[in-house]
C-alpha atoms as a PDB file:
ATOM      1  CA  MET A   1      14.813 -20.132 -15.025  1.00  0.00           C
ATOM      2  CA  ALA A   2      13.559 -18.762 -11.717  1.00  0.00           C
ATOM      3  CA  GLN A   3      11.789 -15.433 -11.576  1.00  0.00           C
ATOM      4  CA  ALA A   4      14.015 -12.405 -10.904  1.00  0.00           C
ATOM      5  CA  ASN A   5      13.810 -10.535  -7.602  1.00  0.00           C
ATOM      6  CA  SER A   6      15.272  -7.142  -6.732  1.00  0.00           C
ATOM      7  CA  GLY A   7      15.722  -7.889  -3.041  1.00  0.00           C
ATOM      8  CA  GLU A   8      14.131  -5.721  -0.360  1.00  0.00           C
ATOM      9  CA  PHE A   9      14.284  -1.915  -0.391  1.00  0.00           C
ATOM     10  CA  LEU A  10      12.665   0.988   1.465  1.00  0.00           C
ATOM     11  CA  SER A  11      10.260   3.102  -0.562  1.00  0.00           C
ATOM     12  CA  PRO A  12       9.966   6.885  -0.537  1.00  0.00           C
ATOM     13  CA  GLU A  13       7.074   8.286   1.480  1.00  0.00           C
ATOM     14  CA  GLY A  14       3.738   7.581  -0.158  1.00  0.00           C
ATOM     15  CA  ARG A  15       0.060   7.690   0.663  1.00  0.00           C
ATOM     16  CA  LEU A  16      -1.779   4.547   1.659  1.00  0.00           C
ATOM     17  CA  ALA A  17      -5.048   3.476   0.015  1.00  0.00           C
ATOM     18  CA  PHE A  18      -7.236   0.373   0.418  1.00  0.00           C
ATOM     19  CA  SER A  19      -5.549  -0.204   3.768  1.00  0.00           C
ATOM     20  CA  ASP A  20      -7.852  -3.035   4.911  1.00  0.00           C
ATOM     21  CA  GLY A  21      -5.918  -5.426   2.696  1.00  0.00           C
ATOM     22  CA  LEU A  22      -2.869  -5.009   4.915  1.00  0.00           C
ATOM     23  CA  PHE A  23      -4.771  -6.463   7.859  1.00  0.00           C
ATOM     24  CA  GLU A  24      -7.125  -8.945   6.189  1.00  0.00           C
ATOM     25  CA  LYS A  25      -6.177 -11.410   3.462  1.00  0.00           C
ATOM     26  CA  ARG A  26      -8.383 -11.382   0.400  1.00  0.00           C
ATOM     27  CA  SER A  27      -8.921 -13.361  -2.777  1.00  0.00           C
ATOM     28  CA  VAL A  28      -9.798 -12.349  -6.317  1.00  0.00           C
ATOM     29  CA  ASP A  29     -10.561 -15.850  -7.583  1.00  0.00           C
ATOM     30  CA  GLY A  30     -11.653 -17.510  -4.342  1.00  0.00           C
ATOM     31  CA  LEU A  31      -8.651 -19.815  -4.439  1.00  0.00           C
ATOM     32  CA  LYS A  32      -5.492 -17.859  -3.746  1.00  0.00           C
ATOM     33  CA  PHE A  33      -5.531 -15.460  -0.793  1.00  0.00           C
ATOM     34  CA  ASN A  34      -3.030 -12.691  -0.107  1.00  0.00           C
ATOM     35  CA  PHE A  35      -2.503  -9.410   1.691  1.00  0.00           C
ATOM     36  CA  GLY A  36      -2.036  -6.140  -0.151  1.00  0.00           C
ATOM     37  CA  CYS A  37      -2.705  -2.434  -0.442  1.00  0.00           C
ATOM     38  CA  THR A  38      -2.244   0.483  -2.802  1.00  0.00           C
ATOM     39  CA  LEU A  39       0.564   3.017  -2.358  1.00  0.00           C
ATOM     40  CA  ILE A  40       0.328   6.396  -4.110  1.00  0.00           C
ATOM     41  CA  PHE A  41       3.441   8.451  -4.902  1.00  0.00           C
ATOM     42  CA  ARG A  42       4.235  11.778  -6.544  1.00  0.00           C
ATOM     43  CA  ASP A  43       5.621  11.492 -10.083  1.00  0.00           C
ATOM     44  CA  GLU A  44       9.022  12.734  -8.878  1.00  0.00           C
ATOM     45  CA  HIS A  45       9.519   9.315  -7.259  1.00  0.00           C
ATOM     46  CA  LYS A  46       8.865   7.366 -10.461  1.00  0.00           C
ATOM     47  CA  PRO A  47      12.567   7.059 -11.483  1.00  0.00           C
ATOM     48  CA  PHE A  48      13.267   5.319  -8.154  1.00  0.00           C
ATOM     49  CA  PHE A  49      10.726   2.594  -8.952  1.00  0.00           C
ATOM     50  CA  GLU A  50      11.606   2.433 -12.646  1.00  0.00           C
ATOM     51  CA  GLU A  51      15.165   1.501 -11.679  1.00  0.00           C
ATOM     52  CA  LYS A  52      13.857  -1.456  -9.615  1.00  0.00           C
ATOM     53  CA  VAL A  53      11.550  -2.594 -12.427  1.00  0.00           C
ATOM     54  CA  ASN A  54      14.232  -2.311 -15.114  1.00  0.00           C
ATOM     55  CA  LYS A  55      16.669  -4.251 -12.929  1.00  0.00           C
ATOM     56  CA  VAL A  56      14.517  -7.365 -12.670  1.00  0.00           C
ATOM     57  CA  ILE A  57      13.492  -7.222 -16.347  1.00  0.00           C
ATOM     58  CA  LEU A  58      17.143  -7.207 -17.395  1.00  0.00           C
ATOM     59  CA  ILE A  59      17.977 -10.062 -15.026  1.00  0.00           C
ATOM     60  CA  LYS A  60      15.080 -12.187 -16.271  1.00  0.00           C
ATOM     61  CA  TRP A  61      14.773 -11.307 -19.968  1.00  0.00           C
ATOM     62  CA  ASP A  62      17.927  -9.332 -20.926  1.00  0.00           C
ATOM     63  CA  GLU A  63      17.818  -6.450 -23.410  1.00  0.00           C
ATOM     64  CA  LYS A  64      15.089  -8.159 -25.428  1.00  0.00           C
ATOM     65  CA  GLY A  65      12.929  -7.956 -22.328  1.00  0.00           C
ATOM     66  CA  MET A  66      13.526  -4.212 -22.074  1.00  0.00           C
ATOM     67  CA  ARG A  67      12.447  -3.797 -25.689  1.00  0.00           C
ATOM     68  CA  ASP A  68       9.327  -5.889 -25.033  1.00  0.00           C
ATOM     69  CA  PHE A  69       8.615  -3.817 -21.919  1.00  0.00           C
ATOM     70  CA  GLN A  70       8.859  -0.570 -23.876  1.00  0.00           C
ATOM     71  CA  ARG A  71       6.432  -2.007 -26.437  1.00  0.00           C
ATOM     72  CA  GLY A  72       3.944  -2.872 -23.689  1.00  0.00           C
ATOM     73  CA  LEU A  73       4.432  -6.644 -23.972  1.00  0.00           C
ATOM     74  CA  ILE A  74       5.525  -6.922 -20.322  1.00  0.00           C
ATOM     75  CA  LYS A  75       3.074  -5.483 -17.814  1.00  0.00           C
ATOM     76  CA  SER A  76       4.296  -2.612 -15.652  1.00  0.00           C
ATOM     77  CA  PRO A  77       3.379  -2.308 -11.956  1.00  0.00           C
ATOM     78  CA  LEU A  78       3.533   1.514 -12.172  1.00  0.00           C
ATOM     79  CA  LEU A  79       0.011   2.800 -12.787  1.00  0.00           C
ATOM     80  CA  ASP A  80      -1.093   6.348 -13.688  1.00  0.00           C
ATOM     81  CA  GLY A  81      -2.722   8.284 -10.861  1.00  0.00           C
ATOM     82  CA  ASP A  82      -5.483   9.511 -13.172  1.00  0.00           C
ATOM     83  CA  GLY A  83      -5.666   6.451 -15.435  1.00  0.00           C
ATOM     84  CA  PRO A  84      -8.444   3.873 -15.795  1.00  0.00           C
ATOM     85  CA  GLN A  85      -7.190   1.740 -12.887  1.00  0.00           C
ATOM     86  CA  ALA A  86      -7.400   4.754 -10.566  1.00  0.00           C
ATOM     87  CA  ARG A  87     -11.146   5.018 -11.149  1.00  0.00           C
ATOM     88  CA  SER A  88     -14.269   3.292  -9.939  1.00  0.00           C
ATOM     89  CA  LYS A  89     -15.454   0.757 -12.496  1.00  0.00           C
ATOM     90  CA  GLN A  90     -19.059   1.661 -11.699  1.00  0.00           C
ATOM     91  CA  SER A  91     -18.945   5.483 -11.859  1.00  0.00           C
ATOM     92  CA  GLY A  92     -15.688   6.183 -13.679  1.00  0.00           C
ATOM     93  CA  GLU A  93     -14.752   8.712 -10.995  1.00  0.00           C
ATOM     94  CA  LEU A  94     -11.277   8.858  -9.521  1.00  0.00           C
ATOM     95  CA  TRP A  95     -10.836   7.143  -6.162  1.00  0.00           C
ATOM     96  CA  ALA A  96     -10.155   9.607  -3.351  1.00  0.00           C
ATOM     97  CA  GLY A  97      -6.470  10.475  -3.097  1.00  0.00           C
ATOM     98  CA  PHE A  98      -5.655   9.684  -6.734  1.00  0.00           C
ATOM     99  CA  GLY A  99      -5.081  12.225  -9.500  1.00  0.00           C
ATOM    100  CA  LYS A 100      -2.794  13.933 -11.967  1.00  0.00           C
ATOM    101  CA  GLY A 101       0.898  14.118 -11.107  1.00  0.00           C
ATOM    102  CA  LEU A 102       0.676  10.853  -9.159  1.00  0.00           C
ATOM    103  CA  PHE A 103       1.273   7.167  -9.820  1.00  0.00           C
ATOM    104  CA  PHE A 104       0.528   4.104  -7.728  1.00  0.00           C
ATOM    105  CA  ILE A 105       1.525   0.509  -7.118  1.00  0.00           C
ATOM    106  CA  ARG A 106      -0.342  -2.475  -5.676  1.00  0.00           C
ATOM    107  CA  PRO A 107       2.122  -4.522  -3.618  1.00  0.00           C
ATOM    108  CA  ASN A 108       1.051  -7.864  -2.183  1.00  0.00           C
ATOM    109  CA  ALA A 109       2.174 -10.525   0.287  1.00  0.00           C
ATOM    110  CA  ASN A 110       1.381 -14.233   0.491  1.00  0.00           C
ATOM    111  CA  GLU A 111      -1.160 -15.319   3.089  1.00  0.00           C
ATOM    112  CA  ASP A 112       1.529 -17.170   5.044  1.00  0.00           C
ATOM    113  CA  ALA A 113       3.729 -14.063   5.230  1.00  0.00           C
ATOM    114  CA  PRO A 114       1.542 -11.093   6.285  1.00  0.00           C
ATOM    115  CA  PRO A 115       3.283  -7.697   6.250  1.00  0.00           C
ATOM    116  CA  ARG A 116       4.277  -5.967   9.487  1.00  0.00           C
ATOM    117  CA  ILE A 117       2.242  -2.797  10.086  1.00  0.00           C
ATOM    118  CA  LEU A 118       3.945  -0.231  12.314  1.00  0.00           C
ATOM    119  CA  TRP A 119       3.456   3.286  13.640  1.00  0.00           C
ATOM    120  CA  LYS A 120       5.282   4.853  16.572  1.00  0.00           C
ATOM    121  CA  SER A 121       7.180   1.759  17.683  1.00  0.00           C
ATOM    122  CA  GLN A 122       9.131  -0.635  15.503  1.00  0.00           C
ATOM    123  CA  HIS A 123       8.356  -3.375  18.033  1.00  0.00           C
ATOM    124  CA  VAL A 124       4.556  -3.005  18.386  1.00  0.00           C
ATOM    125  CA  ASP A 125       2.153  -3.761  15.547  1.00  0.00           C
ATOM    126  CA  ALA A 126      -0.172  -0.898  14.636  1.00  0.00           C
ATOM    127  CA  THR A 127      -3.964  -1.181  14.523  1.00  0.00           C
ATOM    128  CA  LYS A 128      -6.430  -0.481  11.722  1.00  0.00           C
ATOM    129  CA  GLU A 129      -7.408   2.723  13.526  1.00  0.00           C
ATOM    130  CA  GLU A 130      -3.792   3.950  13.487  1.00  0.00           C
ATOM    131  CA  VAL A 131      -2.902   2.915   9.925  1.00  0.00           C
ATOM    132  CA  TYR A 132      -5.742   3.846   7.578  1.00  0.00           C
ATOM    133  CA  SER A 133      -6.410   4.833   3.980  1.00  0.00           C
ATOM    134  CA  GLY A 134      -5.147   8.387   3.578  1.00  0.00           C
ATOM    135  CA  CYS A 135      -2.214   8.285   5.980  1.00  0.00           C
ATOM    136  CA  PHE A 136       1.389   8.521   4.770  1.00  0.00           C
ATOM    137  CA  GLY A 137       4.222   6.088   5.231  1.00  0.00           C
ATOM    138  CA  LYS A 138       7.113   4.087   3.834  1.00  0.00           C
ATOM    139  CA  ALA A 139       7.101   0.428   2.857  1.00  0.00           C
ATOM    140  CA  VAL A 140       9.678  -2.335   2.649  1.00  0.00           C
ATOM    141  CA  LEU A 141       9.134  -3.726  -0.850  1.00  0.00           C
ATOM    142  CA  ASN A 142      10.684  -5.959  -3.472  1.00  0.00           C
ATOM    143  CA  ALA A 143      10.168  -6.083  -7.230  1.00  0.00           C
ATOM    144  CA  TYR A 144       9.811  -9.437  -8.964  1.00  0.00           C
ATOM    145  CA  THR A 145       9.015 -10.823 -12.413  1.00  0.00           C
ATOM    146  CA  TRP A 146       6.208 -13.252 -13.190  1.00  0.00           C
ATOM    147  CA  GLU A 147       4.896 -15.324 -16.066  1.00  0.00           C
ATOM    148  CA  ASN A 148       1.712 -17.304 -16.544  1.00  0.00           C
ATOM    149  CA  PRO A 149      -0.061 -18.836 -19.554  1.00  0.00           C
ATOM    150  CA  SER A 150      -3.149 -16.621 -19.365  1.00  0.00           C
ATOM    151  CA  GLY A 151      -1.722 -13.368 -17.975  1.00  0.00           C
ATOM    152  CA  GLY A 152       1.464 -13.135 -19.984  1.00  0.00           C
ATOM    153  CA  ARG A 153       4.529 -11.553 -18.387  1.00  0.00           C
ATOM    154  CA  GLY A 154       4.968  -8.715 -15.948  1.00  0.00           C
ATOM    155  CA  VAL A 155       6.592  -7.178 -12.902  1.00  0.00           C
ATOM    156  CA  SER A 156       4.922  -6.765  -9.516  1.00  0.00           C
ATOM    157  CA  PHE A 157       5.877  -5.600  -6.042  1.00  0.00           C
ATOM    158  CA  GLY A 158       5.833  -7.597  -2.838  1.00  0.00           C
ATOM    159  CA  ILE A 159       5.414  -5.894   0.537  1.00  0.00           C
ATOM    160  CA  ARG A 160       7.205  -6.955   3.729  1.00  0.00           C
ATOM    161  CA  ALA A 161       6.230  -4.055   6.000  1.00  0.00           C
ATOM    162  CA  PHE A 162       4.526  -0.650   6.106  1.00  0.00           C
ATOM    163  CA  ARG A 163       5.318   2.041   8.645  1.00  0.00           C
ATOM    164  CA  LYS A 164       3.179   5.138   8.988  1.00  0.00           C
ATOM    165  CA  THR A 165       5.146   8.381   9.012  1.00  0.00           C
ATOM    166  CA  ASN A 166       2.418  11.047   9.001  1.00  0.00           C
ATOM    167  CA  GLU A 167      -1.313  11.487   9.444  1.00  0.00           C
ATOM    168  CA  GLY A 168      -3.442  12.340   6.432  1.00  0.00           C
ATOM    169  CA  GLU A 169      -7.046  13.017   5.555  1.00  0.00           C
ATOM    170  CA  SER A 170      -8.892   9.720   5.542  1.00  0.00           C
ATOM    171  CA  THR A 171      -9.899   8.501   2.079  1.00  0.00           C
ATOM    172  CA  GLY A 172     -11.655   5.386   3.340  1.00  0.00           C
ATOM    173  CA  GLY A 173     -15.051   6.962   3.932  1.00  0.00           C
ATOM    174  CA  ARG A 174     -14.642   7.093   7.698  1.00  0.00           C
ATOM    175  CA  ALA A 175     -12.083   9.146   9.604  1.00  0.00           C
ATOM    176  CA  PRO A 176     -10.052   7.517  12.387  1.00  0.00           C
ATOM    177  CA  PHE A 177     -11.774   7.857  15.751  1.00  0.00           C
ATOM    178  CA  ASP A 178     -10.083  10.287  18.167  1.00  0.00           C
ATOM    179  CA  PRO A 179     -11.226   9.640  21.759  1.00  0.00           C
ATOM    180  CA  ALA A 180      -9.652  12.893  22.983  1.00  0.00           C
ATOM    181  CA  LYS A 181     -12.164  14.847  20.894  1.00  0.00           C
ATOM    182  CA  TRP A 182     -15.075  13.464  22.916  1.00  0.00           C
ATOM    183  CA  PHE A 183     -13.801  12.259  26.269  1.00  0.00           C
ATOM    184  CA  VAL A 184     -11.451  13.297  29.044  1.00  0.00           C
ATOM    185  CA  ASP A 185      -9.643  10.866  31.328  1.00  0.00           C
ATOM    186  CA  LEU A 186     -11.845   9.867  34.257  1.00  0.00           C
ATOM    187  CA  ASN A 187      -9.244  10.987  36.759  1.00  0.00           C
ATOM    188  CA  ASP A 188      -9.345  14.506  35.315  1.00  0.00           C
ATOM    189  CA  GLU A 189     -13.123  14.620  35.371  1.00  0.00           C
ATOM    190  CA  ALA A 190     -13.575  13.062  38.796  1.00  0.00           C
ATOM    191  CA  GLY A 191     -10.939  14.932  40.727  1.00  0.00           C
ATOM    192  CA  GLY A 192      -8.519  12.043  41.084  1.00  0.00           C
ATOM    193  CA  ASP A 193     -10.354   8.968  42.384  1.00  0.00           C
ATOM    194  CA  GLY A 194     -11.737   7.802  39.030  1.00  0.00           C
ATOM    195  CA  THR A 195     -15.374   7.947  40.211  1.00  0.00           C
ATOM    196  CA  VAL A 196     -17.873   9.977  38.233  1.00  0.00           C
ATOM    197  CA  ASN A 197     -21.515  10.506  39.233  1.00  0.00           C
ATOM    198  CA  ILE A 198     -23.255  10.941  35.885  1.00  0.00           C
ATOM    199  CA  PHE A 199     -26.553  11.870  37.557  1.00  0.00           C
ATOM    200  CA  ASP A 200     -25.355  15.040  39.280  1.00  0.00           C
END
């Protein structure tokens, strides 16, 4: 039987983390490459995602699957915002932007189907400077089931697109560069002809 898929849906607004994975495909095992990110949501949005997860479990494994899921025999894609997977493996400290009252997901996309990354225009792809770890946005996602001999069974999310909706404090270690903070347009500085004598 094929794996179950929820079909595409638009997420509530969440906070983006590990944004580089949206722009650059990566590999855990050196063999399979994909795109991905982490999306952090307030706990009030958990029922929305639970409905998507439960839907595909029921399609794939029926009521027995729901019982197995409740017993922890089917892996959930909904991770606690202050749990072990929200922390650095080296220091044990929470990653910036994570914490109590939050949960997160790690959606992915195959290397041959990179997600669209958008900001102000739905027709123009956004840049890494515009869409960064810490900003807020909504994603087009789908939930799907999976099975493999070594990893068991579980549910994951795929990502088709992410659109930024609001700025946020950068959690990536470096804030987005704002040219307006340092420079003025040459025409303003030069009186209209675009020529500036820097030695005056």
